[in-house]
All heavy atoms as atom14 arrays in JSON, in Angstrom:
{
  "sequence": "YSMLLDYLRDYYGLNYIVKLLILGILVGVTYKVMEKIE",
  "atom14_mask": [
    [1, 1, 1, 1, 1, 1, 1, 1, 1, 1, 1, 1, 0, 0],
    [1, 1, 1, 1, 1, 1, 0, 0, 0, 0, 0, 0, 0, 0],
    [1, 1, 1, 1, 1, 1, 1, 1, 0, 0, 0, 0, 0, 0],
    [1, 1, 1, 1, 1, 1, 1, 1, 0, 0, 0, 0, 0, 0],
    [1, 1, 1, 1, 1, 1, 1, 1, 0, 0, 0, 0, 0, 0],
    [1, 1, 1, 1, 1, 1, 1, 1, 0, 0, 0, 0, 0, 0],
    [1, 1, 1, 1, 1, 1, 1, 1, 1, 1, 1, 1, 0, 0],
    [1, 1, 1, 1, 1, 1, 1, 1, 0, 0, 0, 0, 0, 0],
    [1, 1, 1, 1, 1, 1, 1, 1, 1, 1, 1, 0, 0, 0],
    [1, 1, 1, 1, 1, 1, 1, 1, 0, 0, 0, 0, 0, 0],
    [1, 1, 1, 1, 1, 1, 1, 1, 1, 1, 1, 1, 0, 0],
    [1, 1, 1, 1, 1, 1, 1, 1, 1, 1, 1, 1, 0, 0],
    [1, 1, 1, 1, 0, 0, 0, 0, 0, 0, 0, 0, 0, 0],
    [1, 1, 1, 1, 1, 1, 1, 1, 0, 0, 0, 0, 0, 0],
    [1, 1, 1, 1, 1, 1, 1, 1, 0, 0, 0, 0, 0, 0],
    [1, 1, 1, 1, 1, 1, 1, 1, 1, 1, 1, 1, 0, 0],
    [1, 1, 1, 1, 1, 1, 1, 1, 0, 0, 0, 0, 0, 0],
    [1, 1, 1, 1, 1, 1, 1, 0, 0, 0, 0, 0, 0, 0],
    [1, 1, 1, 1, 1, 1, 1, 1, 1, 0, 0, 0, 0, 0],
    [1, 1, 1, 1, 1, 1, 1, 1, 0, 0, 0, 0, 0, 0],
    [1, 1, 1, 1, 1, 1, 1, 1, 0, 0, 0, 0, 0, 0],
    [1, 1, 1, 1, 1, 1, 1, 1, 0, 0, 0, 0, 0, 0],
    [1, 1, 1, 1, 1, 1, 1, 1, 0, 0, 0, 0, 0, 0],
    [1, 1, 1, 1, 0, 0, 0, 0, 0, 0, 0, 0, 0, 0],
    [1, 1, 1, 1, 1, 1, 1, 1, 0, 0, 0, 0, 0, 0],
    [1, 1, 1, 1, 1, 1, 1, 1, 0, 0, 0, 0, 0, 0],
    [1, 1, 1, 1, 1, 1, 1, 0, 0, 0, 0, 0, 0, 0],
    [1, 1, 1, 1, 0, 0, 0, 0, 0, 0, 0, 0, 0, 0],
    [1, 1, 1, 1, 1, 1, 1, 0, 0, 0, 0, 0, 0, 0],
    [1, 1, 1, 1, 1, 1, 1, 0, 0, 0, 0, 0, 0, 0],
    [1, 1, 1, 1, 1, 1, 1, 1, 1, 1, 1, 1, 0, 0],
    [1, 1, 1, 1, 1, 1, 1, 1, 1, 0, 0, 0, 0, 0],
    [1, 1, 1, 1, 1, 1, 1, 0, 0, 0, 0, 0, 0, 0],
    [1, 1, 1, 1, 1, 1, 1, 1, 0, 0, 0, 0, 0, 0],
    [1, 1, 1, 1, 1, 1, 1, 1, 1, 0, 0, 0, 0, 0],
    [1, 1, 1, 1, 1, 1, 1, 1, 1, 0, 0, 0, 0, 0],
    [1, 1, 1, 1, 1, 1, 1, 1, 0, 0, 0, 0, 0, 0],
    [1, 1, 1, 1, 1, 1, 1, 1, 1, 0, 0, 0, 0, 0]
  ],
  "atom14_positions": [
    [[-32.23, -29.12, -42.58], [-31.0, -28.8, -43.3], [-30.02, -29.96, -43.25], [-29.35, -30.26, -44.23], [-30.34, -27.55, -42.73], [-31.12, -26.27, -42.91], [-31.01, -25.24, -41.98], [-31.96, -26.07, -43.99], [-31.71, -24.06, -42.14], [-32.66, -24.9, -44.15], [-32.53, -23.9, -43.22], [-33.21, -22.73, -43.37], [0.0, 0.0, 0.0], [0.0, 0.0, 0.0]],
    [[-29.93, -30.61, -42.09], [-29.01, -31.73, -41.93], [-29.38, -32.89, -42.85], [-28.51, -33.51, -43.46], [-28.99, -32.18, -40.48], [-28.14, -33.26, -40.31], [0.0, 0.0, 0.0], [0.0, 0.0, 0.0], [0.0, 0.0, 0.0], [0.0, 0.0, 0.0], [0.0, 0.0, 0.0], [0.0, 0.0, 0.0], [0.0, 0.0, 0.0], [0.0, 0.0, 0.0]],
    [[-30.68, -33.15, -42.95], [-31.12, -34.23, -43.85], [-30.8, -33.89, -45.3], [-30.35, -34.75, -46.06], [-32.62, -34.49, -43.67], [-32.96, -35.19, -42.39], [-34.67, -35.71, -42.24], [-35.55, -34.19, -42.41], [0.0, 0.0, 0.0], [0.0, 0.0, 0.0], [0.0, 0.0, 0.0], [0.0, 0.0, 0.0], [0.0, 0.0, 0.0], [0.0, 0.0, 0.0]],
    [[-31.02, -32.65, -45.71], [-30.69, -32.25, -47.07], [-29.19, -32.35, -47.34], [-28.78, -32.8, -48.42], [-31.18, -30.83, -47.33], [-32.69, -30.64, -47.43], [-33.02, -29.17, -47.53], [-33.24, -31.39, -48.62], [0.0, 0.0, 0.0], [0.0, 0.0, 0.0], [0.0, 0.0, 0.0], [0.0, 0.0, 0.0], [0.0, 0.0, 0.0], [0.0, 0.0, 0.0]],
    [[-28.38, -31.96, -46.38], [-26.94, -32.04, -46.56], [-26.45, -33.48, -46.55], [-25.47, -33.81, -47.22], [-26.23, -31.2, -45.49], [-26.41, -29.69, -45.66], [-25.86, -28.96, -44.46], [-25.78, -29.21, -46.94], [0.0, 0.0, 0.0], [0.0, 0.0, 0.0], [0.0, 0.0, 0.0], [0.0, 0.0, 0.0], [0.0, 0.0, 0.0], [0.0, 0.0, 0.0]],
    [[-27.11, -34.37, -45.8], [-26.78, -35.8, -45.88], [-27.06, -36.34, -47.26], [-26.29, -37.16, -47.78], [-27.56, -36.6, -44.84], [-26.95, -36.53, -43.47], [-25.74, -36.22, -43.38], [-27.66, -36.81, -42.49], [0.0, 0.0, 0.0], [0.0, 0.0, 0.0], [0.0, 0.0, 0.0], [0.0, 0.0, 0.0], [0.0, 0.0, 0.0], [0.0, 0.0, 0.0]],
    [[-28.15, -35.91, -47.86], [-28.46, -36.32, -49.22], [-27.35, -35.87, -50.18], [-26.9, -36.63, -51.03], [-29.81, -35.74, -49.65], [-30.13, -35.96, -51.1], [-30.63, -37.19, -51.53], [-29.93, -34.96, -52.04], [-30.92, -37.41, -52.87], [-30.22, -35.16, -53.37], [-30.72, -36.39, -53.78], [-31.0, -36.59, -55.1], [0.0, 0.0, 0.0], [0.0, 0.0, 0.0]],
    [[-26.92, -34.61, -50.03], [-25.84, -34.1, -50.88], [-24.54, -34.87, -50.65], [-23.79, -35.13, -51.58], [-25.61, -32.62, -50.61], [-26.69, -31.67, -51.1], [-26.37, -30.25, -50.67], [-26.85, -31.75, -52.6], [0.0, 0.0, 0.0], [0.0, 0.0, 0.0], [0.0, 0.0, 0.0], [0.0, 0.0, 0.0], [0.0, 0.0, 0.0], [0.0, 0.0, 0.0]],
    [[-24.28, -35.24, -49.39], [-23.08, -36.0, -49.09], [-23.12, -37.38, -49.74], [-22.13, -37.84, -50.31], [-22.91, -36.14, -47.58], [-21.58, -36.81, -47.2], [-21.56, -37.24, -45.78], [-22.55, -38.3, -45.64], [-23.07, -38.69, -44.49], [-22.72, -38.11, -43.38], [-23.95, -39.66, -44.43], [0.0, 0.0, 0.0], [0.0, 0.0, 0.0], [0.0, 0.0, 0.0]],
    [[-24.26, -38.02, -49.68], [-24.38, -39.37, -50.22], [-24.3, -39.41, -51.74], [-23.67, -40.29, -52.31], [-25.69, -40.01, -49.76], [-25.71, -40.3, -48.27], [-24.62, -40.33, -47.67], [-26.81, -40.47, -47.72], [0.0, 0.0, 0.0], [0.0, 0.0, 0.0], [0.0, 0.0, 0.0], [0.0, 0.0, 0.0], [0.0, 0.0, 0.0], [0.0, 0.0, 0.0]],
    [[-24.94, -38.47, -52.39], [-25.03, -38.54, -53.85], [-24.03, -37.65, -54.59], [-23.79, -37.86, -55.76], [-26.45, -38.19, -54.3], [-27.42, -39.28, -53.89], [-28.26, -39.11, -52.8], [-27.48, -40.48, -54.59], [-29.14, -40.11, -52.43], [-28.35, -41.48, -54.21], [-29.17, -41.28, -53.12], [-30.03, -42.28, -52.74], [0.0, 0.0, 0.0], [0.0, 0.0, 0.0]],
    [[-23.48, -36.65, -53.9], [-22.56, -35.74, -54.58], [-21.19, -35.65, -53.9], [-20.37, -34.82, -54.26], [-23.17, -34.34, -54.69], [-24.42, -34.33, -55.55], [-25.67, -34.24, -54.97], [-24.32, -34.46, -56.92], [-26.81, -34.25, -55.74], [-25.46, -34.47, -57.71], [-26.7, -34.37, -57.12], [-27.82, -34.38, -57.88], [0.0, 0.0, 0.0], [0.0, 0.0, 0.0]],
    [[-20.95, -36.47, -52.88], [-19.64, -36.53, -52.24], [-19.28, -35.3, -51.44], [-18.12, -34.88, -51.44], [0.0, 0.0, 0.0], [0.0, 0.0, 0.0], [0.0, 0.0, 0.0], [0.0, 0.0, 0.0], [0.0, 0.0, 0.0], [0.0, 0.0, 0.0], [0.0, 0.0, 0.0], [0.0, 0.0, 0.0], [0.0, 0.0, 0.0], [0.0, 0.0, 0.0]],
    [[-20.23, -34.72, -50.73], [-19.98, -33.54, -49.93], [-19.12, -33.91, -48.72], [-19.39, -34.88, -48.02], [-21.31, -32.93, -49.46], [-21.26, -31.59, -48.77], [-20.78, -30.52, -49.75], [-22.63, -31.22, -48.24], [0.0, 0.0, 0.0], [0.0, 0.0, 0.0], [0.0, 0.0, 0.0], [0.0, 0.0, 0.0], [0.0, 0.0, 0.0], [0.0, 0.0, 0.0]],
    [[-18.06, -33.16, -48.49], [-17.14, -33.39, -47.38], [-17.84, -33.08, -46.05], [-18.7, -32.22, -45.96], [-15.93, -32.48, -47.59], [-14.81, -32.8, -46.65], [-14.95, -33.63, -45.77], [-13.69, -32.14, -46.86], [0.0, 0.0, 0.0], [0.0, 0.0, 0.0], [0.0, 0.0, 0.0], [0.0, 0.0, 0.0], [0.0, 0.0, 0.0], [0.0, 0.0, 0.0]],
    [[-17.42, -33.77, -44.96], [-18.04, -33.59, -43.65], [-17.82, -32.17, -43.11], [-18.74, -31.56, -42.57], [-17.48, -34.62, -42.66], [-18.09, -34.55, -41.29], [-19.4, -34.99, -41.08], [-17.39, -34.02, -40.22], [-19.97, -34.91, -39.83], [-17.96, -33.95, -38.97], [-19.25, -34.4, -38.78], [-19.81, -34.3, -37.55], [0.0, 0.0, 0.0], [0.0, 0.0, 0.0]],
    [[-16.61, -31.65, -43.26], [-16.31, -30.3, -42.77], [-17.13, -29.26, -43.54], [-17.68, -28.33, -42.95], [-14.8, -29.99, -42.91], [-13.96, -30.98, -42.1], [-14.49, -28.56, -42.52], [-14.22, -30.94, -40.61], [0.0, 0.0, 0.0], [0.0, 0.0, 0.0], [0.0, 0.0, 0.0], [0.0, 0.0, 0.0], [0.0, 0.0, 0.0], [0.0, 0.0, 0.0]],
    [[-17.24, -29.45, -44.84], [-18.05, -28.53, -45.66], [-19.51, -28.62, -45.25], [-20.2, -27.6, -45.16], [-17.87, -28.85, -47.16], [-18.79, -28.0, -48.01], [-16.43, -28.67, -47.58], [0.0, 0.0, 0.0], [0.0, 0.0, 0.0], [0.0, 0.0, 0.0], [0.0, 0.0, 0.0], [0.0, 0.0, 0.0], [0.0, 0.0, 0.0], [0.0, 0.0, 0.0]],
    [[-19.97, -29.83, -44.94], [-21.34, -30.01, -44.48], [-21.6, -29.23, -43.2], [-22.61, -28.54, -43.07], [-21.62, -31.49, -44.26], [-22.99, -31.77, -43.69], [-23.14, -33.21, -43.28], [-24.4, -33.35, -42.48], [-24.52, -34.63, -41.82], [0.0, 0.0, 0.0], [0.0, 0.0, 0.0], [0.0, 0.0, 0.0], [0.0, 0.0, 0.0], [0.0, 0.0, 0.0]],
    [[-20.67, -29.31, -42.25], [-20.84, -28.58, -41.0], [-20.81, -27.07, -41.21], [-21.58, -26.33, -40.58], [-19.75, -28.98, -40.0], [-19.91, -30.36, -39.39], [-18.74, -30.65, -38.45], [-21.22, -30.5, -38.65], [0.0, 0.0, 0.0], [0.0, 0.0, 0.0], [0.0, 0.0, 0.0], [0.0, 0.0, 0.0], [0.0, 0.0, 0.0], [0.0, 0.0, 0.0]],
    [[-19.94, -26.6, -42.09], [-19.88, -25.16, -42.38], [-21.18, -24.67, -43.01], [-21.73, -23.64, -42.61], [-18.7, -24.85, -43.29], [-17.32, -24.93, -42.65], [-16.25, -24.77, -43.71], [-17.18, -23.88, -41.57], [0.0, 0.0, 0.0], [0.0, 0.0, 0.0], [0.0, 0.0, 0.0], [0.0, 0.0, 0.0], [0.0, 0.0, 0.0], [0.0, 0.0, 0.0]],
    [[-21.68, -25.41, -43.99], [-22.93, -25.02, -44.64], [-24.08, -25.06, -43.65], [-24.94, -24.17, -43.63], [-23.21, -25.92, -45.86], [-22.16, -25.67, -46.94], [-24.61, -25.67, -46.41], [-22.25, -26.64, -48.1], [0.0, 0.0, 0.0], [0.0, 0.0, 0.0], [0.0, 0.0, 0.0], [0.0, 0.0, 0.0], [0.0, 0.0, 0.0], [0.0, 0.0, 0.0]],
    [[-24.11, -26.08, -42.79], [-25.18, -26.19, -41.79], [-25.13, -25.02, -40.83], [-26.17, -24.44, -40.5], [-25.05, -27.52, -41.04], [-26.11, -27.82, -39.99], [-27.47, -27.91, -40.65], [-25.78, -29.1, -39.27], [0.0, 0.0, 0.0], [0.0, 0.0, 0.0], [0.0, 0.0, 0.0], [0.0, 0.0, 0.0], [0.0, 0.0, 0.0], [0.0, 0.0, 0.0]],
    [[-23.94, -24.64, -40.38], [-23.81, -23.49, -39.49], [-24.28, -22.21, -40.14], [-24.95, -21.38, -39.51], [0.0, 0.0, 0.0], [0.0, 0.0, 0.0], [0.0, 0.0, 0.0], [0.0, 0.0, 0.0], [0.0, 0.0, 0.0], [0.0, 0.0, 0.0], [0.0, 0.0, 0.0], [0.0, 0.0, 0.0], [0.0, 0.0, 0.0], [0.0, 0.0, 0.0]],
    [[-23.92, -22.01, -41.4], [-24.34, -20.8, -42.12], [-25.86, -20.78, -42.29], [-26.5, -19.75, -42.05], [-23.62, -20.71, -43.48], [-22.13, -20.43, -43.25], [-24.25, -19.64, -44.36], [-21.29, -20.58, -44.49], [0.0, 0.0, 0.0], [0.0, 0.0, 0.0], [0.0, 0.0, 0.0], [0.0, 0.0, 0.0], [0.0, 0.0, 0.0], [0.0, 0.0, 0.0]],
    [[-26.44, -21.9, -42.68], [-27.89, -21.95, -42.88], [-28.65, -21.7, -41.58], [-29.65, -20.97, -41.56], [-28.3, -23.3, -43.48], [-27.97, -23.53, -44.94], [-28.28, -24.97, -45.33], [-28.71, -22.57, -45.82], [0.0, 0.0, 0.0], [0.0, 0.0, 0.0], [0.0, 0.0, 0.0], [0.0, 0.0, 0.0], [0.0, 0.0, 0.0], [0.0, 0.0, 0.0]],
    [[-28.19, -22.3, -40.49], [-28.87, -22.1, -39.21], [-28.71, -20.65, -38.74], [-29.65, -20.05, -38.23], [-28.34, -23.1, -38.15], [-28.82, -22.74, -36.76], [-28.78, -24.51, -38.51], [0.0, 0.0, 0.0], [0.0, 0.0, 0.0], [0.0, 0.0, 0.0], [0.0, 0.0, 0.0], [0.0, 0.0, 0.0], [0.0, 0.0, 0.0], [0.0, 0.0, 0.0]],
    [[-27.53, -20.07, -38.95], [-27.32, -18.67, -38.58], [-28.21, -17.73, -39.36], [-28.8, -16.8, -38.79], [0.0, 0.0, 0.0], [0.0, 0.0, 0.0], [0.0, 0.0, 0.0], [0.0, 0.0, 0.0], [0.0, 0.0, 0.0], [0.0, 0.0, 0.0], [0.0, 0.0, 0.0], [0.0, 0.0, 0.0], [0.0, 0.0, 0.0], [0.0, 0.0, 0.0]],
    [[-28.33, -17.95, -40.65], [-29.19, -17.11, -41.48], [-30.65, -17.28, -41.07], [-31.4, -16.3, -40.97], [-28.99, -17.45, -42.98], [-30.06, -16.82, -43.84], [-27.61, -17.0, -43.43], [0.0, 0.0, 0.0], [0.0, 0.0, 0.0], [0.0, 0.0, 0.0], [0.0, 0.0, 0.0], [0.0, 0.0, 0.0], [0.0, 0.0, 0.0], [0.0, 0.0, 0.0]],
    [[-31.05, -18.51, -40.8], [-32.43, -18.76, -40.36], [-32.71, -18.05, -39.04], [-33.78, -17.46, -38.86], [-32.67, -20.28, -40.21], [-32.39, -20.91, -41.44], [-34.09, -20.57, -39.8], [0.0, 0.0, 0.0], [0.0, 0.0, 0.0], [0.0, 0.0, 0.0], [0.0, 0.0, 0.0], [0.0, 0.0, 0.0], [0.0, 0.0, 0.0], [0.0, 0.0, 0.0]],
    [[-31.75, -18.09, -38.12], [-31.92, -17.41, -36.83], [-32.09, -15.9, -37.02], [-32.97, -15.29, -36.41], [-30.71, -17.7, -35.94], [-30.81, -17.07, -34.58], [-31.57, -17.67, -33.57], [-30.17, -15.88, -34.28], [-31.68, -17.1, -32.33], [-30.27, -15.3, -33.04], [-31.02, -15.91, -32.06], [-31.13, -15.34, -30.83], [0.0, 0.0, 0.0], [0.0, 0.0, 0.0]],
    [[-31.27, -15.31, -37.87], [-31.37, -13.87, -38.1], [-32.7, -13.49, -38.76], [-33.31, -12.47, -38.42], [-30.2, -13.38, -38.97], [-28.91, -13.33, -38.23], [-29.01, -12.29, -37.13], [-27.69, -12.18, -36.41], [-27.74, -11.22, -35.3], [0.0, 0.0, 0.0], [0.0, 0.0, 0.0], [0.0, 0.0, 0.0], [0.0, 0.0, 0.0], [0.0, 0.0, 0.0]],
    [[-33.16, -14.3, -39.71], [-34.44, -14.02, -40.36], [-35.58, -14.1, -39.35], [-36.46, -13.24, -39.32], [-34.67, -14.99, -41.55], [-36.09, -14.95, -42.04], [-33.69, -14.69, -42.67], [0.0, 0.0, 0.0], [0.0, 0.0, 0.0], [0.0, 0.0, 0.0], [0.0, 0.0, 0.0], [0.0, 0.0, 0.0], [0.0, 0.0, 0.0], [0.0, 0.0, 0.0]],
    [[-35.55, -15.14, -38.51], [-36.6, -15.28, -37.5], [-36.54, -14.13, -36.49], [-37.58, -13.66, -36.03], [-36.48, -16.63, -36.8], [-36.85, -17.78, -37.7], [-36.56, -19.37, -36.96], [-37.66, -19.3, -35.58], [0.0, 0.0, 0.0], [0.0, 0.0, 0.0], [0.0, 0.0, 0.0], [0.0, 0.0, 0.0], [0.0, 0.0, 0.0], [0.0, 0.0, 0.0]],
    [[-35.35, -13.66, -36.16], [-35.19, -12.55, -35.25], [-35.78, -11.27, -35.83], [-36.47, -10.52, -35.14], [-33.7, -12.36, -34.96], [-33.37, -11.54, -33.77], [-31.88, -11.56, -33.49], [-31.12, -11.06, -34.35], [-31.49, -12.08, -32.44], [0.0, 0.0, 0.0], [0.0, 0.0, 0.0], [0.0, 0.0, 0.0], [0.0, 0.0, 0.0], [0.0, 0.0, 0.0]],
    [[-35.54, -11.03, -37.12], [-36.1, -9.84, -37.77], [-37.62, -9.91, -37.83], [-38.31, -8.9, -37.63], [-35.52, -9.68, -39.17], [-34.11, -9.18, -39.15], [-33.61, -8.9, -40.53], [-32.18, -8.38, -40.46], [-31.7, -7.89, -41.73], [0.0, 0.0, 0.0], [0.0, 0.0, 0.0], [0.0, 0.0, 0.0], [0.0, 0.0, 0.0], [0.0, 0.0, 0.0]],
    [[-38.17, -11.08, -38.12], [-39.62, -11.24, -38.17], [-40.22, -10.97, -36.79], [-41.24, -10.3, -36.66], [-39.99, -12.65, -38.69], [-39.64, -12.77, -40.16], [-41.47, -12.94, -38.46], [-39.77, -14.17, -40.71], [0.0, 0.0, 0.0], [0.0, 0.0, 0.0], [0.0, 0.0, 0.0], [0.0, 0.0, 0.0], [0.0, 0.0, 0.0], [0.0, 0.0, 0.0]],
    [[-39.56, -11.48, -35.75], [-40.06, -11.27, -34.4], [-40.0, -9.79, -34.02], [-40.93, -9.27, -33.39], [-39.22, -12.09, -33.42], [-39.73, -12.04, -32.0], [-38.95, -12.96, -31.09], [-38.53, -14.03, -31.54], [-38.76, -12.58, -29.92], [0.0, 0.0, 0.0], [0.0, 0.0, 0.0], [0.0, 0.0, 0.0], [0.0, 0.0, 0.0], [0.0, 0.0, 0.0]]
  ]
}
C-alpha cells in the first residue's frame, strides 16, 4: 500500500498527511478482513 501511495504522491501530488490517513484506513480494513477470515 505504501508503494502504491508513493506512486500517487509522485504523479498526482498526494499530500503526506492524506497518504498516512489512506494507509491507516487500508491497513485497518485489511486487518479486519483477515480477522474475519481467520
